[in-house]
């Protein structure tokens, strides 16, 4: 039987991190009380420290920086294809003029 992985919203993660900071309880105790897996708070806190407001973008969404990089990579691919087509066309026209 497969276990389905629970998904937590960005708001829940932020509230849980804040609760851990202000409650005075240990992370493991809070994780047990909330029914979270072991190490979730540590992982969420680490993501928040690393990514700031861009942390926890949601399922299937990219962070703005990653989306911009992906867009630039697509544009680069198009420009490279156009360049290759022009090179081939130039080779064909210079060959026919000889």
PDB file of N, CA and C in Angstrom:
ATOM      1  N   UNK A   1       0.835  -1.178   0.000  1.00  0.00           N
ATOM      2  CA  UNK A   1       0.000   0.000   0.000  1.00  0.00           C
ATOM      3  C   UNK A   1       0.885   1.249   0.000  1.00  0.00           C
ATOM      4  N   UNK A   2       0.583   2.171  -0.857  1.00  0.00           N
ATOM      5  CA  UNK A   2       1.377   3.401  -0.976  1.00  0.00           C
ATOM      6  C   UNK A   2       0.919   4.448   0.012  1.00  0.00           C
ATOM      7  N   UNK A   3       1.887   5.122   0.559  1.00  0.00           N
ATOM      8  CA  UNK A   3       1.595   6.241   1.447  1.00  0.00           C
ATOM      9  C   UNK A   3       1.617   7.516   0.628  1.00  0.00           C
ATOM     10  N   UNK A   4       0.584   8.320   0.751  1.00  0.00           N
ATOM     11  CA  UNK A   4       0.580   9.588   0.029  1.00  0.00           C
ATOM     12  C   UNK A   4       1.271  10.653   0.871  1.00  0.00           C
ATOM     13  N   UNK A   5       2.039  11.474   0.202  1.00  0.00           N
ATOM     14  CA  UNK A   5       2.760  12.525   0.892  1.00  0.00           C
ATOM     15  C   UNK A   5       1.841  13.713   1.108  1.00  0.00           C
ATOM     16  N   UNK A   6       1.807  14.200   2.322  1.00  0.00           N
ATOM     17  CA  UNK A   6       0.969  15.360   2.632  1.00  0.00           C
ATOM     18  C   UNK A   6       1.602  16.614   2.055  1.00  0.00           C
ATOM     19  N   UNK A   7       0.757  17.523   1.638  1.00  0.00           N
ATOM     20  CA  UNK A   7       1.224  18.797   1.103  1.00  0.00           C
ATOM     21  C   UNK A   7       0.746  19.903   2.033  1.00  0.00           C
ATOM     22  N   UNK A   8       1.647  20.796   2.366  1.00  0.00           N
ATOM     23  CA  UNK A   8       1.333  21.885   3.284  1.00  0.00           C
ATOM     24  C   UNK A   8       1.442  23.212   2.550  1.00  0.00           C
ATOM     25  N   UNK A   9       0.535  24.111   2.848  1.00  0.00           N
ATOM     26  CA  UNK A   9       0.526  25.414   2.183  1.00  0.00           C
ATOM     27  C   UNK A   9       1.660  26.302   2.705  1.00  0.00           C
ATOM     28  N   UNK A  10       1.942  27.329   1.952  1.00  0.00           N
ATOM     29  CA  UNK A  10       2.976  28.288   2.340  1.00  0.00           C
ATOM     30  C   UNK A  10       2.616  28.940   3.672  1.00  0.00           C
ATOM     31  N   UNK A  11       1.340  29.287   3.828  1.00  0.00           N
ATOM     32  CA  UNK A  11       0.892  29.938   5.064  1.00  0.00           C
ATOM     33  C   UNK A  11       1.090  29.021   6.268  1.00  0.00           C
ATOM     34  N   UNK A  12       0.757  27.751   6.102  1.00  0.00           N
ATOM     35  CA  UNK A  12       0.926  26.799   7.193  1.00  0.00           C
ATOM     36  C   UNK A  12       2.392  26.688   7.592  1.00  0.00           C
ATOM     37  N   UNK A  13       3.264  26.603   6.606  1.00  0.00           N
ATOM     38  CA  UNK A  13       4.694  26.483   6.881  1.00  0.00           C
ATOM     39  C   UNK A  13       5.217  27.716   7.626  1.00  0.00           C
ATOM     40  N   UNK A  14       4.812  28.906   7.149  1.00  0.00           N
ATOM     41  CA  UNK A  14       5.276  30.134   7.808  1.00  0.00           C
ATOM     42  C   UNK A  14       4.742  30.248   9.227  1.00  0.00           C
ATOM     43  N   UNK A  15       3.469  29.885   9.431  1.00  0.00           N
ATOM     44  CA  UNK A  15       2.889  29.935  10.772  1.00  0.00           C
ATOM     45  C   UNK A  15       3.562  28.932  11.701  1.00  0.00           C
ATOM     46  N   UNK A  16       3.880  27.766  11.184  1.00  0.00           N
ATOM     47  CA  UNK A  16       4.535  26.748  11.992  1.00  0.00           C
ATOM     48  C   UNK A  16       5.938  27.182  12.388  1.00  0.00           C
ATOM     49  N   UNK A  17       6.662  27.791  11.478  1.00  0.00           N
ATOM     50  CA  UNK A  17       8.007  28.287  11.794  1.00  0.00           C
ATOM     51  C   UNK A  17       7.917  29.373  12.860  1.00  0.00           C
ATOM     52  N   UNK A  18       6.942  30.264  12.722  1.00  0.00           N
ATOM     53  CA  UNK A  18       6.757  31.326  13.722  1.00  0.00           C
ATOM     54  C   UNK A  18       6.365  30.738  15.071  1.00  0.00           C
ATOM     55  N   UNK A  19       5.499  29.739  15.069  1.00  0.00           N
ATOM     56  CA  UNK A  19       5.093  29.076  16.313  1.00  0.00           C
ATOM     57  C   UNK A  19       6.289  28.418  16.984  1.00  0.00           C
ATOM     58  N   UNK A  20       7.139  27.790  16.218  1.00  0.00           N
ATOM     59  CA  UNK A  20       8.331  27.154  16.776  1.00  0.00           C
ATOM     60  C   UNK A  20       9.258  28.192  17.404  1.00  0.00           C
ATOM     61  N   UNK A  21       9.328  29.355  16.763  1.00  0.00           N
ATOM     62  CA  UNK A  21      10.205  30.405  17.277  1.00  0.00           C
ATOM     63  C   UNK A  21       9.670  31.005  18.574  1.00  0.00           C
ATOM     64  N   UNK A  22       8.355  31.152  18.686  1.00  0.00           N
ATOM     65  CA  UNK A  22       7.786  31.867  19.827  1.00  0.00           C
ATOM     66  C   UNK A  22       7.287  30.966  20.955  1.00  0.00           C
ATOM     67  N   UNK A  23       7.046  29.684  20.677  1.00  0.00           N
ATOM     68  CA  UNK A  23       6.407  28.834  21.688  1.00  0.00           C
ATOM     69  C   UNK A  23       7.357  28.354  22.780  1.00  0.00           C
ATOM     70  N   UNK A  24       8.627  28.276  22.484  1.00  0.00           N
ATOM     71  CA  UNK A  24       9.568  27.759  23.466  1.00  0.00           C
ATOM     72  C   UNK A  24       9.641  26.243  23.481  1.00  0.00           C
ATOM     73  N   UNK A  25       8.874  25.576  22.639  1.00  0.00           N
ATOM     74  CA  UNK A  25       8.903  24.123  22.548  1.00  0.00           C
ATOM     75  C   UNK A  25       9.999  23.701  21.582  1.00  0.00           C
ATOM     76  N   UNK A  26      10.481  22.481  21.770  1.00  0.00           N
ATOM     77  CA  UNK A  26      11.496  21.970  20.851  1.00  0.00           C
ATOM     78  C   UNK A  26      10.845  21.648  19.515  1.00  0.00           C
ATOM     79  N   UNK A  27      11.667  21.605  18.483  1.00  0.00           N
ATOM     80  CA  UNK A  27      11.159  21.309  17.148  1.00  0.00           C
ATOM     81  C   UNK A  27      10.509  19.931  17.111  1.00  0.00           C
ATOM     82  N   UNK A  28      11.155  18.941  17.712  1.00  0.00           N
ATOM     83  CA  UNK A  28      10.613  17.586  17.659  1.00  0.00           C
ATOM     84  C   UNK A  28       9.277  17.490  18.396  1.00  0.00           C
ATOM     85  N   UNK A  29       9.147  18.195  19.512  1.00  0.00           N
ATOM     86  CA  UNK A  29       7.884  18.179  20.254  1.00  0.00           C
ATOM     87  C   UNK A  29       6.767  18.830  19.425  1.00  0.00           C
ATOM     88  N   UNK A  30       7.073  19.942  18.802  1.00  0.00           N
ATOM     89  CA  UNK A  30       6.089  20.638  17.978  1.00  0.00           C
ATOM     90  C   UNK A  30       5.705  19.796  16.756  1.00  0.00           C
ATOM     91  N   UNK A  31       6.680  19.133  16.160  1.00  0.00           N
ATOM     92  CA  UNK A  31       6.386  18.267  15.023  1.00  0.00           C
ATOM     93  C   UNK A  31       5.455  17.125  15.421  1.00  0.00           C
ATOM     94  N   UNK A  32       5.679  16.545  16.577  1.00  0.00           N
ATOM     95  CA  UNK A  32       4.797  15.474  17.060  1.00  0.00           C
ATOM     96  C   UNK A  32       3.384  15.999  17.296  1.00  0.00           C
ATOM     97  N   UNK A  33       3.266  17.167  17.920  1.00  0.00           N
ATOM     98  CA  UNK A  33       1.956  17.734  18.231  1.00  0.00           C
ATOM     99  C   UNK A  33       1.164  18.076  16.966  1.00  0.00           C
ATOM    100  N   UNK A  34       1.865  18.518  15.928  1.00  0.00           N
ATOM    101  CA  UNK A  34       1.191  18.917  14.695  1.00  0.00           C
ATOM    102  C   UNK A  34       1.059  17.759  13.695  1.00  0.00           C
ATOM    103  N   UNK A  35       1.648  16.631  14.027  1.00  0.00           N
ATOM    104  CA  UNK A  35       1.567  15.474  13.138  1.00  0.00           C
ATOM    105  C   UNK A  35       2.475  15.574  11.929  1.00  0.00           C
ATOM    106  N   UNK A  36       3.551  16.306  12.076  1.00  0.00           N
ATOM    107  CA  UNK A  36       4.513  16.469  10.991  1.00  0.00           C
ATOM    108  C   UNK A  36       5.572  15.382  11.074  1.00  0.00           C
ATOM    109  N   UNK A  37       6.216  15.146   9.949  1.00  0.00           N
ATOM    110  CA  UNK A  37       7.324  14.205   9.936  1.00  0.00           C
ATOM    111  C   UNK A  37       8.545  14.798  10.608  1.00  0.00           C
ATOM    112  N   UNK A  38       9.448  13.924  10.960  1.00  0.00           N
ATOM    113  CA  UNK A  38      10.670  14.353  11.642  1.00  0.00           C
ATOM    114  C   UNK A  38      11.534  15.174  10.682  1.00  0.00           C
ATOM    115  N   UNK A  39      11.976  16.331  11.115  1.00  0.00           N
ATOM    116  CA  UNK A  39      12.869  17.177  10.336  1.00  0.00           C
ATOM    117  C   UNK A  39      12.181  18.187   9.437  1.00  0.00           C
ATOM    118  N   UNK A  40      10.850  18.182   9.405  1.00  0.00           N
ATOM    119  CA  UNK A  40      10.138  19.136   8.549  1.00  0.00           C
ATOM    120  C   UNK A  40      10.459  20.573   8.928  1.00  0.00           C
ATOM    121  N   UNK A  41      10.403  20.893  10.217  1.00  0.00           N
ATOM    122  CA  UNK A  41      10.657  22.275  10.640  1.00  0.00           C
ATOM    123  C   UNK A  41      12.060  22.730  10.251  1.00  0.00           C
ATOM    124  N   UNK A  42      13.023  21.851  10.429  1.00  0.00           N
ATOM    125  CA  UNK A  42      14.402  22.194  10.075  1.00  0.00           C
ATOM    126  C   UNK A  42      14.497  22.508   8.579  1.00  0.00           C
ATOM    127  N   UNK A  43      13.883  21.658   7.766  1.00  0.00           N
ATOM    128  CA  UNK A  43      13.929  21.844   6.313  1.00  0.00           C
ATOM    129  C   UNK A  43      13.231  23.131   5.901  1.00  0.00           C
ATOM    130  N   UNK A  44      12.054  23.379   6.473  1.00  0.00           N
ATOM    131  CA  UNK A  44      11.310  24.592   6.127  1.00  0.00           C
ATOM    132  C   UNK A  44      12.070  25.842   6.549  1.00  0.00           C
ATOM    133  N   UNK A  45      12.660  25.806   7.743  1.00  0.00           N
ATOM    134  CA  UNK A  45      13.421  26.959   8.234  1.00  0.00           C
ATOM    135  C   UNK A  45      14.628  27.224   7.331  1.00  0.00           C
ATOM    136  N   UNK A  46      15.284  26.152   6.902  1.00  0.00           N
ATOM    137  CA  UNK A  46      16.444  26.280   6.027  1.00  0.00           C
ATOM    138  C   UNK A  46      16.035  26.883   4.675  1.00  0.00           C
ATOM    139  N   UNK A  47      14.902  26.442   4.110  1.00  0.00           N
ATOM    140  CA  UNK A  47      14.414  27.004   2.853  1.00  0.00           C
ATOM    141  C   UNK A  47      14.076  28.478   3.004  1.00  0.00           C
ATOM    142  N   UNK A  48      13.453  28.831   4.119  1.00  0.00           N
ATOM    143  CA  UNK A  48      13.082  30.222   4.354  1.00  0.00           C
ATOM    144  C   UNK A  48      14.316  31.102   4.499  1.00  0.00           C
ATOM    145  N   UNK A  49      15.337  30.612   5.193  1.00  0.00           N
ATOM    146  CA  UNK A  49      16.573  31.372   5.351  1.00  0.00           C
ATOM    147  C   UNK A  49      17.278  31.553   4.007  1.00  0.00           C
ATOM    148  N   UNK A  50      17.260  30.508   3.190  1.00  0.00           N
ATOM    149  CA  UNK A  50      17.967  30.541   1.917  1.00  0.00           C
ATOM    150  C   UNK A  50      17.237  31.407   0.883  1.00  0.00           C
ATOM    151  N   UNK A  51      15.899  31.269   0.792  1.00  0.00           N
ATOM    152  CA  UNK A  51      15.151  31.907  -0.285  1.00  0.00           C
ATOM    153  C   UNK A  51      14.335  33.130   0.137  1.00  0.00           C
ATOM    154  N   UNK A  52      14.190  33.364   1.415  1.00  0.00           N
ATOM    155  CA  UNK A  52      13.446  34.537   1.884  1.00  0.00           C
ATOM    156  C   UNK A  52      11.994  34.490   1.464  1.00  0.00           C
ATOM    157  N   UNK A  53      11.479  35.585   0.921  1.00  0.00           N
ATOM    158  CA  UNK A  53      10.073  35.666   0.532  1.00  0.00           C
ATOM    159  C   UNK A  53       9.735  34.771  -0.656  1.00  0.00           C
ATOM    160  N   UNK A  54      10.733  34.321  -1.381  1.00  0.00           N
ATOM    161  CA  UNK A  54      10.486  33.440  -2.523  1.00  0.00           C
ATOM    162  C   UNK A  54      10.373  31.974  -2.115  1.00  0.00           C
ATOM    163  N   UNK A  55      10.546  31.676  -0.845  1.00  0.00           N
ATOM    164  CA  UNK A  55      10.471  30.291  -0.379  1.00  0.00           C
ATOM    165  C   UNK A  55       9.049  29.761  -0.526  1.00  0.00           C
ATOM    166  N   UNK A  56       8.935  28.471  -0.698  1.00  0.00           N
ATOM    167  CA  UNK A  56       7.655  27.763  -0.799  1.00  0.00           C
ATOM    168  C   UNK A  56       6.786  28.306  -1.937  1.00  0.00           C
ATOM    169  N   UNK A  57       7.247  28.267  -3.188  1.00  0.00           N
ATOM    170  CA  UNK A  57       6.457  28.829  -4.282  1.00  0.00           C
ATOM    171  C   UNK A  57       5.189  28.041  -4.595  1.00  0.00           C
ATOM    172  N   UNK A  58       5.105  26.804  -4.206  1.00  0.00           N
ATOM    173  CA  UNK A  58       3.908  26.012  -4.486  1.00  0.00           C
ATOM    174  C   UNK A  58       4.179  24.947  -5.520  1.00  0.00           C
ATOM    175  N   UNK A  59       3.243  24.047  -5.660  1.00  0.00           N
ATOM    176  CA  UNK A  59       3.393  22.916  -6.567  1.00  0.00           C
ATOM    177  C   UNK A  59       3.402  23.397  -8.016  1.00  0.00           C
ATOM    178  N   UNK A  60       4.461  23.023  -8.727  1.00  0.00           N
ATOM    179  CA  UNK A  60       4.541  23.340 -10.144  1.00  0.00           C
ATOM    180  C   UNK A  60       4.928  24.766 -10.467  1.00  0.00           C
ATOM    181  N   UNK A  61       5.128  25.590  -9.488  1.00  0.00           N
ATOM    182  CA  UNK A  61       5.502  26.984  -9.741  1.00  0.00           C
ATOM    183  C   UNK A  61       6.998  27.157  -9.526  1.00  0.00           C
ATOM    184  N   UNK A  62       7.554  28.048 -10.288  1.00  0.00           N
ATOM    185  CA  UNK A  62       8.970  28.360 -10.141  1.00  0.00           C
ATOM    186  C   UNK A  62       9.133  29.661  -9.382  1.00  0.00           C
ATOM    187  N   UNK A  63      10.270  29.785  -8.743  1.00  0.00           N
ATOM    188  CA  UNK A  63      10.609  31.064  -8.136  1.00  0.00           C
ATOM    189  C   UNK A  63      10.840  32.061  -9.270  1.00  0.00           C
ATOM    190  N   UNK A  64      10.626  33.346  -9.026  1.00  0.00           N
ATOM    191  CA  UNK A  64      10.787  34.332 -10.111  1.00  0.00           C
ATOM    192  C   UNK A  64      12.152  34.271 -10.792  1.00  0.00           C
ATOM    193  N   UNK A  65      13.209  34.045 -10.029  1.00  0.00           N
ATOM    194  CA  UNK A  65      14.542  33.966 -10.625  1.00  0.00           C
ATOM    195  C   UNK A  65      14.657  32.775 -11.566  1.00  0.00           C
ATOM    196  N   UNK A  66      14.121  31.626 -11.135  1.00  0.00           N
ATOM    197  CA  UNK A  66      14.190  30.426 -11.963  1.00  0.00           C
ATOM    198  C   UNK A  66      13.325  30.572 -13.217  1.00  0.00           C
ATOM    199  N   UNK A  67      12.188  31.226 -13.098  1.00  0.00           N
ATOM    200  CA  UNK A  67      11.320  31.445 -14.260  1.00  0.00           C
ATOM    201  C   UNK A  67      12.021  32.342 -15.278  1.00  0.00           C
ATOM    202  N   UNK A  68      12.726  33.353 -14.807  1.00  0.00           N
ATOM    203  CA  UNK A  68      13.443  34.260 -15.697  1.00  0.00           C
ATOM    204  C   UNK A  68      14.563  33.516 -16.428  1.00  0.00           C
ATOM    205  N   UNK A  69      15.288  32.676 -15.705  1.00  0.00           N
ATOM    206  CA  UNK A  69      16.363  31.894 -16.326  1.00  0.00           C
ATOM    207  C   UNK A  69      15.792  30.958 -17.386  1.00  0.00           C
ATOM    208  N   UNK A  70      14.671  30.322 -17.078  1.00  0.00           N
ATOM    209  CA  UNK A  70      14.039  29.412 -18.042  1.00  0.00           C
ATOM    210  C   UNK A  70      13.609  30.173 -19.297  1.00  0.00           C
ATOM    211  N   UNK A  71      13.072  31.375 -19.134  1.00  0.00           N
ATOM    212  CA  UNK A  71      12.661  32.188 -20.276  1.00  0.00           C
ATOM    213  C   UNK A  71      13.874  32.558 -21.132  1.00  0.00           C
ATOM    214  N   UNK A  72      14.972  32.942 -20.482  1.00  0.00           N
ATOM    215  CA  UNK A  72      16.178  33.304 -21.233  1.00  0.00           C
ATOM    216  C   UNK A  72      16.745  32.103 -21.984  1.00  0.00           C
ATOM    217  N   UNK A  73      16.673  30.920 -21.382  1.00  0.00           N
ATOM    218  CA  UNK A  73      17.163  29.720 -22.061  1.00  0.00           C
ATOM    219  C   UNK A  73      16.321  29.407 -23.301  1.00  0.00           C
ATOM    220  N   UNK A  74      15.011  29.595 -23.208  1.00  0.00           N
ATOM    221  CA  UNK A  74      14.139  29.387 -24.372  1.00  0.00           C
ATOM    222  C   UNK A  74      14.486  30.368 -25.487  1.00  0.00           C
ATOM    223  N   UNK A  75      14.645  31.646 -25.119  1.00  0.00           N
ATOM    224  CA  UNK A  75      14.983  32.665 -26.117  1.00  0.00           C
ATOM    225  C   UNK A  75      16.335  32.365 -26.763  1.00  0.00           C
ATOM    226  N   UNK A  76      17.288  31.899 -25.978  1.00  0.00           N
ATOM    227  CA  UNK A  76      18.599  31.552 -26.511  1.00  0.00           C
ATOM    228  C   UNK A  76      18.478  30.413 -27.519  1.00  0.00           C
ATOM    229  N   UNK A  77      17.657  29.432 -27.222  1.00  0.00           N
ATOM    230  CA  UNK A  77      17.451  28.322 -28.150  1.00  0.00           C
ATOM    231  C   UNK A  77      16.885  28.790 -29.478  1.00  0.00           C
ATOM    232  N   UNK A  78      15.920  29.715 -29.431  1.00  0.00           N
ATOM    233  CA  UNK A  78      15.321  30.253 -30.663  1.00  0.00           C
ATOM    234  C   UNK A  78      16.379  31.013 -31.465  1.00  0.00           C
ATOM    235  N   UNK A  79      17.160  31.829 -30.806  1.00  0.00           N
ATOM    236  CA  UNK A  79      18.181  32.627 -31.490  1.00  0.00           C
ATOM    237  C   UNK A  79      19.233  31.716 -32.118  1.00  0.00           C
ATOM    238  N   UNK A  80      19.605  30.639 -31.431  1.00  0.00           N
ATOM    239  CA  UNK A  80      20.586  29.707 -31.997  1.00  0.00           C
ATOM    240  C   UNK A  80      20.026  29.010 -33.233  1.00  0.00           C
ATOM    241  N   UNK A  81      18.746  28.650 -33.224  1.00  0.00           N
ATOM    242  CA  UNK A  81      18.139  28.034 -34.403  1.00  0.00           C
ATOM    243  C   UNK A  81      18.116  29.012 -35.572  1.00  0.00           C
ATOM    244  N   UNK A  82      17.770  30.264 -35.299  1.00  0.00           N
ATOM    245  CA  UNK A  82      17.759  31.278 -36.360  1.00  0.00           C
ATOM    246  C   UNK A  82      19.156  31.460 -36.940  1.00  0.00           C
ATOM    247  N   UNK A  83      20.163  31.476 -36.084  1.00  0.00           N
ATOM    248  CA  UNK A  83      21.546  31.627 -36.541  1.00  0.00           C
ATOM    249  C   UNK A  83      21.946  30.466 -37.447  1.00  0.00           C
ATOM    250  N   UNK A  84      21.585  29.238 -37.050  1.00  0.00           N
ATOM    251  CA  UNK A  84      21.941  28.066 -37.846  1.00  0.00           C
ATOM    252  C   UNK A  84      21.262  28.100 -39.216  1.00  0.00           C
ATOM    253  N   UNK A  85      20.003  28.542 -39.245  1.00  0.00           N
ATOM    254  CA  UNK A  85      19.276  28.646 -40.521  1.00  0.00           C
ATOM    255  C   UNK A  85      19.956  29.669 -41.426  1.00  0.00           C
ATOM    256  N   UNK A  86      20.358  30.799 -40.873  1.00  0.00           N
ATOM    257  CA  UNK A  86      21.026  31.824 -41.679  1.00  0.00           C
ATOM    258  C   UNK A  86      22.379  31.339 -42.196  1.00  0.00           C
ATOM    259  N   UNK A  87      23.092  30.567 -41.397  1.00  0.00           N
ATOM    260  CA  UNK A  87      24.376  30.022 -41.854  1.00  0.00           C
ATOM    261  C   UNK A  87      24.162  29.093 -43.049  1.00  0.00           C
ATOM    262  N   UNK A  88      23.143  28.249 -42.953  1.00  0.00           N
ATOM    263  CA  UNK A  88      22.859  27.312 -44.045  1.00  0.00           C
ATOM    264  C   UNK A  88      22.430  28.068 -45.300  1.00  0.00           C
ATOM    265  N   UNK A  89      21.613  29.092 -45.138  1.00  0.00           N
ATOM    266  CA  UNK A  89      21.167  29.878 -46.282  1.00  0.00           C
ATOM    267  C   UNK A  89      22.351  30.588 -46.940  1.00  0.00           C
ATOM    268  N   UNK A  90      23.242  31.123 -46.134  1.00  0.00           N
ATOM    269  CA  UNK A  90      24.421  31.802 -46.664  1.00  0.00           C
ATOM    270  C   UNK A  90      25.289  30.824 -47.458  1.00  0.00           C
ATOM    271  N   UNK A  91      25.443  29.615 -46.933  1.00  0.00           N
ATOM    272  CA  UNK A  91      26.241  28.602 -47.635  1.00  0.00           C
ATOM    273  C   UNK A  91      25.602  28.234 -48.975  1.00  0.00           C
ATOM    274  N   UNK A  92      24.282  28.142 -49.022  1.00  0.00           N
ATOM    275  CA  UNK A  92      23.591  27.789 -50.264  1.00  0.00           C
ATOM    276  C   UNK A  92      23.750  28.905 -51.296  1.00  0.00           C
ATOM    277  N   UNK A  93      23.565  30.156 -50.891  1.00  0.00           N
ATOM    278  CA  UNK A  93      23.652  31.265 -51.839  1.00  0.00           C
ATOM    279  C   UNK A  93      25.074  31.513 -52.330  1.00  0.00           C
ATOM    280  N   UNK A  94      26.069  31.339 -51.486  1.00  0.00           N
ATOM    281  CA  UNK A  94      27.450  31.551 -51.933  1.00  0.00           C
ATOM    282  C   UNK A  94      27.877  30.434 -52.851  1.00  0.00           C
ATOM    283  N   UNK A  95      27.364  29.239 -52.691  1.00  0.00           N
ATOM    284  CA  UNK A  95      27.703  28.117 -53.540  1.00  0.00           C
ATOM    285  C   UNK A  95      27.094  28.307 -54.935  1.00  0.00           C
ATOM    286  N   UNK A  96      25.894  28.827 -55.028  1.00  0.00           N
ATOM    287  CA  UNK A  96      25.229  28.979 -56.317  1.00  0.00           C
ATOM    288  C   UNK A  96      25.806  30.139 -57.138  1.00  0.00           C
ATOM    289  N   UNK A  97      26.496  31.065 -56.519  1.00  0.00           N
ATOM    290  CA  UNK A  97      27.061  32.207 -57.232  1.00  0.00           C
ATOM    291  C   UNK A  97      28.370  31.853 -57.894  1.00  0.00           C
ATOM    292  N   UNK A  98      28.981  30.760 -57.549  1.00  0.00           N
ATOM    293  CA  UNK A  98      30.289  30.390 -58.126  1.00  0.00           C
ATOM    294  C   UNK A  98      30.178  29.760 -59.441  1.00  0.00           C
TER     295      UNK A  98
END
